[in-house]
Structures are given as structure tokens and as C-alpha cells.
């Protein structure tokens, strides 16, 4: 069993900041990448940022959001600055990992945390 537990969402005014955290626990052999996706009402889930052998950001968050990892703690963070109303969404943590040497890599997801940017 693998669990991803997110924290740090909430309500913030435009221009404000939030920091999301996600800790992976359970039967983990190795983690290839961790990242964040988001889904706004009526829209498809989209990549925000991920960190593996390379780091990727959605164009809409470049320069405002920063992803980081603590590999010793199997934790990924998302520092979100200069937040805009269009950043409002449920943010999901993702980990691409292997539970043992023989199993293939696969995606695991957190339960999601709401981020609302509003005055």
C-alpha cells in the first residue's frame, strides 16, 4: 500500500502565497518522479509542475511556482507565489514509483487539496 498525503491548501487573496506539501509513505522501493496536477471545475486535470530527472512547469505558473523535493522524506513541495484567481483548483499530488524491484513504475495520486484564490 502506498499513500500520498497532501497538506497546505486553503483560501488566499490574489497576490498571496501558499505552500503545498505531499508525503509519500508505505511500501516504496524507488520514486522516479513526484509532482503536482490541478483540476478546476469543468476543466481537465492539468500538470502544474513535476520533478524527476528534469523539472517541468506549466507555462501558466512559470516564475510564480517552485517545486522542490526532500528525497529522504519522500516529500514534494509546491511553493506558490503571486497567486491569481485562475489558480483556483483542487491540487493533486502525483508520484511515479515502484513498490519493489519486479513491479513496473506506476502513478499514485493523493486525495487532493483545495486552493481558492479570491478577495
N, C-alpha and C. Protein backbone atom coordinates (compact mmCIF):
# COMPACT_ATOMS: atom_id res chain seq x y z
N UNK A 1 0.83 -1.19 0.00
CA UNK A 1 0.00 0.00 0.00
C UNK A 1 0.87 1.24 0.00
N UNK A 2 0.51 2.17 -0.86
CA UNK A 2 1.21 3.45 -0.94
C UNK A 2 0.18 4.56 -0.67
N UNK A 3 0.55 5.50 0.15
CA UNK A 3 -0.33 6.65 0.43
C UNK A 3 0.41 7.94 0.14
N UNK A 4 -0.32 8.88 -0.45
CA UNK A 4 0.18 10.24 -0.66
C UNK A 4 -0.74 11.16 0.13
N UNK A 5 -0.17 11.89 1.07
CA UNK A 5 -0.96 12.76 1.93
C UNK A 5 -0.54 14.21 1.70
N UNK A 6 -1.51 15.00 1.24
CA UNK A 6 -1.27 16.41 0.92
C UNK A 6 -1.70 17.30 2.08
N UNK A 7 -1.09 18.46 2.14
CA UNK A 7 -1.49 19.48 3.10
C UNK A 7 -1.11 20.84 2.57
N UNK A 8 -1.73 21.88 3.13
CA UNK A 8 -1.32 23.24 2.81
C UNK A 8 -2.28 24.04 1.96
N UNK A 9 -3.37 23.46 1.50
CA UNK A 9 -4.32 24.22 0.71
C UNK A 9 -5.10 25.19 1.58
N UNK A 10 -5.93 26.01 0.92
CA UNK A 10 -6.75 26.95 1.66
C UNK A 10 -7.19 28.11 0.81
N UNK A 11 -7.68 29.13 1.50
CA UNK A 11 -8.17 30.35 0.85
C UNK A 11 -7.11 31.45 0.99
N UNK A 12 -6.80 32.10 -0.12
CA UNK A 12 -5.80 33.17 -0.10
C UNK A 12 -6.24 34.28 -1.04
N UNK A 13 -5.85 35.50 -0.73
CA UNK A 13 -6.19 36.62 -1.60
C UNK A 13 -5.27 36.66 -2.81
N UNK A 14 -5.75 37.26 -3.89
CA UNK A 14 -4.87 37.42 -5.07
C UNK A 14 -3.57 38.12 -4.69
N UNK A 15 -2.47 37.60 -5.23
CA UNK A 15 -1.15 38.12 -4.90
C UNK A 15 -0.51 37.43 -3.72
N UNK A 16 -1.26 36.61 -3.03
CA UNK A 16 -0.75 35.92 -1.85
C UNK A 16 0.03 34.66 -2.20
N UNK A 17 0.44 33.94 -1.15
CA UNK A 17 1.26 32.74 -1.30
C UNK A 17 0.70 31.60 -0.48
N UNK A 18 0.96 30.40 -0.97
CA UNK A 18 0.66 29.17 -0.25
C UNK A 18 1.76 28.17 -0.53
N UNK A 19 1.94 27.25 0.41
CA UNK A 19 2.91 26.16 0.21
C UNK A 19 2.20 24.84 0.42
N UNK A 20 2.20 24.01 -0.60
CA UNK A 20 1.63 22.68 -0.52
C UNK A 20 2.72 21.67 -0.21
N UNK A 21 2.35 20.65 0.55
CA UNK A 21 3.26 19.56 0.86
C UNK A 21 2.58 18.23 0.57
N UNK A 22 3.38 17.25 0.19
CA UNK A 22 2.84 15.91 -0.06
C UNK A 22 3.89 14.90 0.35
N UNK A 23 3.50 14.02 1.26
CA UNK A 23 4.40 12.98 1.73
C UNK A 23 3.91 11.62 1.26
N UNK A 24 4.82 10.86 0.66
CA UNK A 24 4.52 9.51 0.22
C UNK A 24 5.00 8.53 1.28
N UNK A 25 4.16 7.54 1.58
CA UNK A 25 4.53 6.54 2.58
C UNK A 25 4.02 5.18 2.16
N UNK A 26 4.53 4.16 2.83
CA UNK A 26 4.10 2.81 2.54
C UNK A 26 5.21 1.99 1.92
N UNK A 27 4.81 1.03 1.12
CA UNK A 27 5.76 0.09 0.54
C UNK A 27 6.35 0.69 -0.74
N UNK A 28 7.41 1.48 -0.58
CA UNK A 28 8.03 2.19 -1.71
C UNK A 28 9.45 1.68 -1.91
N UNK A 29 9.72 1.21 -3.12
CA UNK A 29 11.08 0.77 -3.46
C UNK A 29 11.90 1.92 -4.00
N UNK A 30 11.32 2.65 -4.95
CA UNK A 30 12.01 3.81 -5.51
C UNK A 30 10.99 4.75 -6.13
N UNK A 31 11.32 6.04 -6.10
CA UNK A 31 10.46 7.06 -6.69
C UNK A 31 11.18 7.67 -7.88
N UNK A 32 10.53 7.62 -9.02
CA UNK A 32 11.13 8.16 -10.23
C UNK A 32 10.87 9.65 -10.35
N UNK A 33 9.66 10.07 -9.99
CA UNK A 33 9.30 11.49 -10.08
C UNK A 33 8.13 11.77 -9.15
N UNK A 34 8.03 13.02 -8.73
CA UNK A 34 6.88 13.49 -7.96
C UNK A 34 6.46 14.84 -8.53
N UNK A 35 5.18 15.13 -8.41
CA UNK A 35 4.72 16.38 -8.96
C UNK A 35 3.33 16.76 -8.51
N UNK A 36 2.83 17.82 -9.12
CA UNK A 36 1.52 18.37 -8.79
C UNK A 36 0.71 18.59 -10.06
N UNK A 37 -0.55 18.23 -9.97
CA UNK A 37 -1.53 18.50 -11.01
C UNK A 37 -2.67 19.28 -10.37
N UNK A 38 -3.50 19.90 -11.19
CA UNK A 38 -4.67 20.58 -10.66
C UNK A 38 -5.85 20.41 -11.60
N UNK A 39 -7.04 20.53 -10.99
CA UNK A 39 -8.26 20.44 -11.77
C UNK A 39 -9.24 21.48 -11.28
N UNK A 40 -9.59 22.39 -12.17
CA UNK A 40 -10.58 23.41 -11.88
C UNK A 40 -11.96 22.90 -12.31
N UNK A 41 -13.03 23.45 -11.74
CA UNK A 41 -14.38 22.99 -12.10
C UNK A 41 -14.62 23.08 -13.60
N UNK A 42 -15.10 22.00 -14.18
CA UNK A 42 -15.42 21.97 -15.60
C UNK A 42 -14.23 21.83 -16.51
N UNK A 43 -13.04 21.64 -15.93
CA UNK A 43 -11.84 21.52 -16.75
C UNK A 43 -11.15 20.19 -16.51
N UNK A 44 -10.26 19.83 -17.43
CA UNK A 44 -9.49 18.61 -17.27
C UNK A 44 -8.34 18.82 -16.30
N UNK A 45 -7.90 17.73 -15.70
CA UNK A 45 -6.73 17.80 -14.83
C UNK A 45 -5.51 18.15 -15.69
N UNK A 46 -4.67 19.06 -15.16
CA UNK A 46 -3.51 19.50 -15.91
C UNK A 46 -2.27 19.47 -15.03
N UNK A 47 -1.13 19.31 -15.67
CA UNK A 47 0.14 19.34 -14.97
C UNK A 47 0.43 20.76 -14.50
N UNK A 48 0.85 20.88 -13.24
CA UNK A 48 1.35 22.16 -12.72
C UNK A 48 2.87 22.15 -12.75
N UNK A 49 3.47 21.12 -12.13
CA UNK A 49 4.92 21.00 -12.09
C UNK A 49 5.28 19.58 -11.69
N UNK A 50 6.37 19.08 -12.22
CA UNK A 50 6.87 17.81 -11.72
C UNK A 50 8.39 17.81 -11.68
N UNK A 51 8.91 16.92 -10.84
CA UNK A 51 10.34 16.87 -10.58
C UNK A 51 10.81 15.43 -10.64
N UNK A 52 11.64 15.16 -11.64
CA UNK A 52 12.25 13.84 -11.76
C UNK A 52 13.68 14.04 -12.22
N UNK A 53 14.03 13.42 -13.33
CA UNK A 53 15.36 13.68 -13.89
C UNK A 53 15.42 15.11 -14.42
N UNK A 54 14.28 15.64 -14.79
CA UNK A 54 14.16 17.05 -15.17
C UNK A 54 12.98 17.64 -14.41
N UNK A 55 12.92 18.95 -14.39
CA UNK A 55 11.81 19.66 -13.74
C UNK A 55 11.01 20.38 -14.81
N UNK A 56 9.70 20.22 -14.74
CA UNK A 56 8.81 20.85 -15.71
C UNK A 56 7.77 21.70 -15.01
N UNK A 57 7.42 22.80 -15.64
CA UNK A 57 6.36 23.67 -15.15
C UNK A 57 5.39 23.97 -16.28
N UNK A 58 4.12 24.10 -15.91
CA UNK A 58 3.16 24.64 -16.86
C UNK A 58 3.52 26.09 -17.16
N UNK A 59 3.30 26.51 -18.39
CA UNK A 59 3.64 27.89 -18.75
C UNK A 59 2.93 28.90 -17.85
N UNK A 60 1.73 28.56 -17.44
CA UNK A 60 0.92 29.50 -16.66
C UNK A 60 1.45 29.75 -15.25
N UNK A 61 2.37 28.89 -14.79
CA UNK A 61 2.88 29.07 -13.42
C UNK A 61 4.38 29.39 -13.39
N UNK A 62 5.04 29.37 -14.53
CA UNK A 62 6.48 29.65 -14.55
C UNK A 62 6.77 31.02 -13.97
N UNK A 63 7.77 31.05 -13.11
CA UNK A 63 8.15 32.30 -12.47
C UNK A 63 7.38 32.61 -11.21
N UNK A 64 6.31 31.87 -10.96
CA UNK A 64 5.50 32.10 -9.75
C UNK A 64 5.53 30.91 -8.80
N UNK A 65 5.57 29.70 -9.35
CA UNK A 65 5.54 28.48 -8.54
C UNK A 65 6.92 27.83 -8.57
N UNK A 66 7.29 27.19 -7.45
CA UNK A 66 8.53 26.45 -7.38
C UNK A 66 8.28 25.09 -6.74
N UNK A 67 8.73 24.05 -7.43
CA UNK A 67 8.61 22.70 -6.91
C UNK A 67 9.94 22.28 -6.31
N UNK A 68 9.88 21.55 -5.20
CA UNK A 68 11.10 21.04 -4.58
C UNK A 68 10.79 19.69 -3.93
N UNK A 69 11.84 18.93 -3.69
CA UNK A 69 11.68 17.60 -3.10
C UNK A 69 12.66 17.39 -1.97
N UNK A 70 12.22 16.62 -0.99
CA UNK A 70 13.09 16.10 0.06
C UNK A 70 13.08 14.59 -0.11
N UNK A 71 14.07 14.07 -0.80
CA UNK A 71 14.07 12.64 -1.15
C UNK A 71 14.18 11.76 0.09
N UNK A 72 14.84 12.24 1.12
CA UNK A 72 14.97 11.45 2.34
C UNK A 72 13.62 11.24 3.02
N UNK A 73 12.70 12.18 2.79
CA UNK A 73 11.37 12.10 3.39
C UNK A 73 10.29 11.72 2.40
N UNK A 74 10.68 11.41 1.17
CA UNK A 74 9.70 11.10 0.11
C UNK A 74 8.62 12.17 0.04
N UNK A 75 9.04 13.40 0.08
CA UNK A 75 8.11 14.53 0.15
C UNK A 75 8.38 15.51 -0.99
N UNK A 76 7.30 16.05 -1.52
CA UNK A 76 7.38 17.08 -2.55
C UNK A 76 6.61 18.30 -2.07
N UNK A 77 7.14 19.47 -2.41
CA UNK A 77 6.54 20.73 -2.03
C UNK A 77 6.22 21.56 -3.27
N UNK A 78 5.25 22.43 -3.12
CA UNK A 78 4.95 23.39 -4.18
C UNK A 78 4.77 24.75 -3.52
N UNK A 79 5.74 25.63 -3.73
CA UNK A 79 5.64 27.00 -3.25
C UNK A 79 4.95 27.82 -4.33
N UNK A 80 3.81 28.39 -3.96
CA UNK A 80 3.00 29.14 -4.92
C UNK A 80 2.96 30.61 -4.49
N UNK A 81 3.53 31.47 -5.31
CA UNK A 81 3.56 32.91 -5.05
C UNK A 81 2.76 33.65 -6.11
N UNK A 82 2.43 34.89 -5.81
CA UNK A 82 1.69 35.74 -6.75
C UNK A 82 0.46 35.02 -7.29
N UNK A 83 -0.29 34.45 -6.39
CA UNK A 83 -1.45 33.65 -6.80
C UNK A 83 -2.51 34.50 -7.47
N UNK A 84 -3.17 33.88 -8.44
CA UNK A 84 -4.21 34.54 -9.22
C UNK A 84 -5.53 33.76 -9.06
N UNK A 85 -6.65 34.42 -9.28
CA UNK A 85 -7.93 33.69 -9.20
C UNK A 85 -7.97 32.46 -10.11
N UNK A 86 -7.31 32.54 -11.25
CA UNK A 86 -7.32 31.39 -12.17
C UNK A 86 -6.48 30.22 -11.67
N UNK A 87 -5.78 30.39 -10.57
CA UNK A 87 -5.08 29.26 -9.95
C UNK A 87 -6.00 28.44 -9.06
N UNK A 88 -7.22 28.90 -8.87
CA UNK A 88 -8.18 28.18 -8.04
C UNK A 88 -8.48 26.81 -8.64
N UNK A 89 -8.29 25.78 -7.84
CA UNK A 89 -8.47 24.40 -8.31
C UNK A 89 -8.23 23.45 -7.14
N UNK A 90 -8.54 22.19 -7.39
CA UNK A 90 -8.10 21.13 -6.49
C UNK A 90 -6.72 20.68 -6.99
N UNK A 91 -5.77 20.69 -6.09
CA UNK A 91 -4.39 20.32 -6.43
C UNK A 91 -4.13 18.89 -5.96
N UNK A 92 -3.62 18.08 -6.89
CA UNK A 92 -3.37 16.67 -6.61
C UNK A 92 -1.86 16.39 -6.67
N UNK A 93 -1.41 15.67 -5.68
CA UNK A 93 -0.02 15.20 -5.66
C UNK A 93 0.07 13.91 -6.48
N UNK A 94 1.16 13.76 -7.20
CA UNK A 94 1.41 12.57 -8.01
C UNK A 94 2.80 12.03 -7.72
N UNK A 95 2.91 10.72 -7.66
CA UNK A 95 4.22 10.07 -7.55
C UNK A 95 4.27 8.93 -8.55
N UNK A 96 5.37 8.88 -9.27
CA UNK A 96 5.62 7.82 -10.26
C UNK A 96 6.67 6.93 -9.65
N UNK A 97 6.25 5.76 -9.14
CA UNK A 97 7.16 4.99 -8.31
C UNK A 97 7.01 3.50 -8.53
N UNK A 98 7.92 2.79 -7.87
CA UNK A 98 7.95 1.33 -7.96
C UNK A 98 7.87 0.79 -6.52
N UNK A 99 7.02 -0.22 -6.32
CA UNK A 99 6.87 -0.75 -4.95
C UNK A 99 7.85 -1.87 -4.65
N UNK A 100 8.42 -2.48 -5.68
CA UNK A 100 9.51 -3.42 -5.47
C UNK A 100 10.27 -3.55 -6.78
N UNK A 101 11.36 -4.30 -6.75
CA UNK A 101 12.26 -4.38 -7.90
C UNK A 101 11.55 -4.96 -9.13
N UNK A 102 10.59 -5.86 -8.91
CA UNK A 102 9.99 -6.59 -10.03
C UNK A 102 8.77 -5.89 -10.62
N UNK A 103 8.17 -4.98 -9.86
CA UNK A 103 6.97 -4.31 -10.37
C UNK A 103 7.34 -3.13 -11.25
N UNK A 104 6.49 -2.85 -12.22
CA UNK A 104 6.76 -1.68 -13.06
C UNK A 104 6.45 -0.38 -12.34
N UNK A 105 7.02 0.70 -12.84
CA UNK A 105 6.67 2.02 -12.34
C UNK A 105 5.20 2.30 -12.65
N UNK A 106 4.53 2.96 -11.72
CA UNK A 106 3.14 3.37 -11.97
C UNK A 106 2.83 4.63 -11.18
N UNK A 107 1.72 5.25 -11.58
CA UNK A 107 1.30 6.50 -10.95
C UNK A 107 0.47 6.24 -9.70
N UNK A 108 0.72 7.06 -8.68
CA UNK A 108 -0.10 7.10 -7.48
C UNK A 108 -0.53 8.54 -7.25
N UNK A 109 -1.74 8.71 -6.66
CA UNK A 109 -2.32 10.03 -6.50
C UNK A 109 -2.75 10.28 -5.06
N UNK A 110 -2.63 11.54 -4.66
CA UNK A 110 -3.19 11.96 -3.40
C UNK A 110 -4.68 12.24 -3.54
N UNK A 111 -5.30 12.60 -2.42
CA UNK A 111 -6.74 12.81 -2.41
C UNK A 111 -7.13 14.20 -2.90
N UNK A 112 -6.18 15.08 -2.99
CA UNK A 112 -6.44 16.43 -3.47
C UNK A 112 -6.62 17.42 -2.33
N UNK A 113 -6.18 18.64 -2.57
CA UNK A 113 -6.36 19.72 -1.60
C UNK A 113 -6.84 20.97 -2.35
N UNK A 114 -7.84 21.62 -1.79
CA UNK A 114 -8.45 22.77 -2.45
C UNK A 114 -7.62 24.02 -2.24
N UNK A 115 -7.36 24.72 -3.34
CA UNK A 115 -6.73 26.04 -3.30
C UNK A 115 -7.72 27.03 -3.91
N UNK A 116 -8.09 28.03 -3.14
CA UNK A 116 -9.02 29.05 -3.63
C UNK A 116 -8.37 30.41 -3.51
N UNK A 117 -8.31 31.12 -4.63
CA UNK A 117 -7.71 32.46 -4.68
C UNK A 117 -8.84 33.45 -4.95
N UNK A 118 -9.16 34.22 -3.93
CA UNK A 118 -10.30 35.12 -4.04
C UNK A 118 -10.17 36.25 -3.03
N UNK A 119 -10.70 37.41 -3.42
CA UNK A 119 -10.71 38.53 -2.49
C UNK A 119 -12.04 38.58 -1.74
